[in-house]
Amino acid sequence: MRTYSSSDYAGLDTEHIKFYYGYEVMQGAEWCFTAKGKGYDVTIPFPELHVKDSFDCLRCLLAGIGLFLDRYPRQEGEG
């Protein structure tokens, strides 16, 4: 597992899925959270994260992971 962060991005990489929030992924003028892995390629724009500051990258990453887990529950039998 690898975690990383800077003033304009943050991420968490695991063996099966990579989570990222920051400027490298944008929809319009909005930064986005992404989750990519086997069977997943999810993008959630900043306004859906309900975080006050788009530059609070760690909080945005955590909010994105929470939304991802809520919206895309693991299916039985998935590794």
Protein backbone atom coordinates (compact mmCIF):
# COMPACT_ATOMS: atom_id res chain seq x y z
CA MET A 1 0.00 0.00 0.00
CA ARG A 2 1.20 3.52 -0.78
CA THR A 3 -0.12 6.88 0.37
CA TYR A 4 0.97 10.25 -0.95
CA SER A 5 -0.09 13.89 -0.76
CA SER A 6 0.92 17.39 -1.70
CA SER A 7 -0.74 20.80 -1.64
CA ASP A 8 -2.77 19.99 -4.76
CA TYR A 9 -3.35 16.20 -4.73
CA ALA A 10 -3.59 13.15 -2.48
CA GLY A 11 -3.80 9.45 -3.15
CA LEU A 12 -3.97 5.94 -1.81
CA ASP A 13 -2.81 3.00 -3.91
CA THR A 14 -3.58 -0.56 -2.86
CA GLU A 15 -3.00 -3.83 -4.65
CA HIS A 16 -6.50 -3.81 -6.16
CA ILE A 17 -7.60 -0.19 -6.38
CA LYS A 18 -6.14 3.32 -6.66
CA PHE A 19 -7.83 6.35 -5.12
CA TYR A 20 -6.82 9.89 -6.12
CA TYR A 21 -8.05 13.44 -5.59
CA GLY A 22 -6.53 16.47 -7.25
CA TYR A 23 -5.91 18.71 -10.18
CA GLU A 24 -4.81 16.06 -12.69
CA VAL A 25 -8.41 14.90 -13.09
CA MET A 26 -10.93 17.62 -13.86
CA GLN A 27 -14.52 17.96 -15.03
CA GLY A 28 -14.90 21.49 -16.31
CA ALA A 29 -13.17 23.69 -13.77
CA GLU A 30 -13.67 21.22 -10.89
CA TRP A 31 -11.04 18.93 -9.45
CA CYS A 32 -12.17 15.34 -9.01
CA PHE A 33 -11.81 12.21 -6.93
CA THR A 34 -11.16 8.99 -8.85
CA ALA A 35 -11.19 5.31 -8.00
CA LYS A 36 -9.65 2.92 -10.52
CA GLY A 37 -9.26 -0.80 -10.29
CA LYS A 38 -10.58 -4.08 -11.62
CA GLY A 39 -14.18 -3.35 -12.56
CA TYR A 40 -14.04 0.28 -11.38
CA ASP A 41 -13.33 3.56 -13.14
CA VAL A 42 -15.22 6.11 -11.06
CA THR A 43 -14.94 9.90 -11.14
CA ILE A 44 -16.63 12.12 -8.55
CA PRO A 45 -16.34 15.91 -8.99
CA PHE A 46 -15.43 18.12 -6.03
CA PRO A 47 -18.97 19.56 -5.40
CA GLU A 48 -20.31 16.04 -4.73
CA LEU A 49 -17.71 15.52 -1.97
CA HIS A 50 -19.35 18.19 0.24
CA VAL A 51 -16.02 19.48 1.51
CA LYS A 52 -15.62 23.25 2.04
CA ASP A 53 -12.18 23.71 0.47
CA SER A 54 -11.06 22.02 -2.76
CA PHE A 55 -7.43 22.47 -1.62
CA ASP A 56 -8.02 20.32 1.48
CA CYS A 57 -6.83 17.36 -0.55
CA LEU A 58 -6.65 14.81 2.27
CA ARG A 59 -10.21 15.58 3.40
CA CYS A 60 -11.41 15.40 -0.22
CA LEU A 61 -9.64 12.07 -0.69
CA LEU A 62 -11.29 10.66 2.45
CA ALA A 63 -14.71 12.00 1.44
CA GLY A 64 -14.26 10.45 -2.00
CA ILE A 65 -13.32 7.06 -0.56
CA GLY A 66 -16.37 7.22 1.70
CA LEU A 67 -18.69 8.08 -1.20
CA PHE A 68 -17.11 5.36 -3.32
CA LEU A 69 -17.66 2.73 -0.61
CA ASP A 70 -21.25 3.92 -0.16
CA ARG A 71 -22.12 4.05 -3.87
CA TYR A 72 -20.21 1.00 -5.09
CA PRO A 73 -20.45 -1.69 -2.43
CA ARG A 74 -18.32 -4.75 -2.95
CA GLN A 75 -20.17 -7.63 -4.50
CA GLU A 76 -20.06 -11.08 -2.95
CA GLY A 77 -17.21 -13.08 -4.45
CA GLU A 78 -15.13 -10.07 -5.51
CA GLY A 79 -11.49 -10.19 -4.49
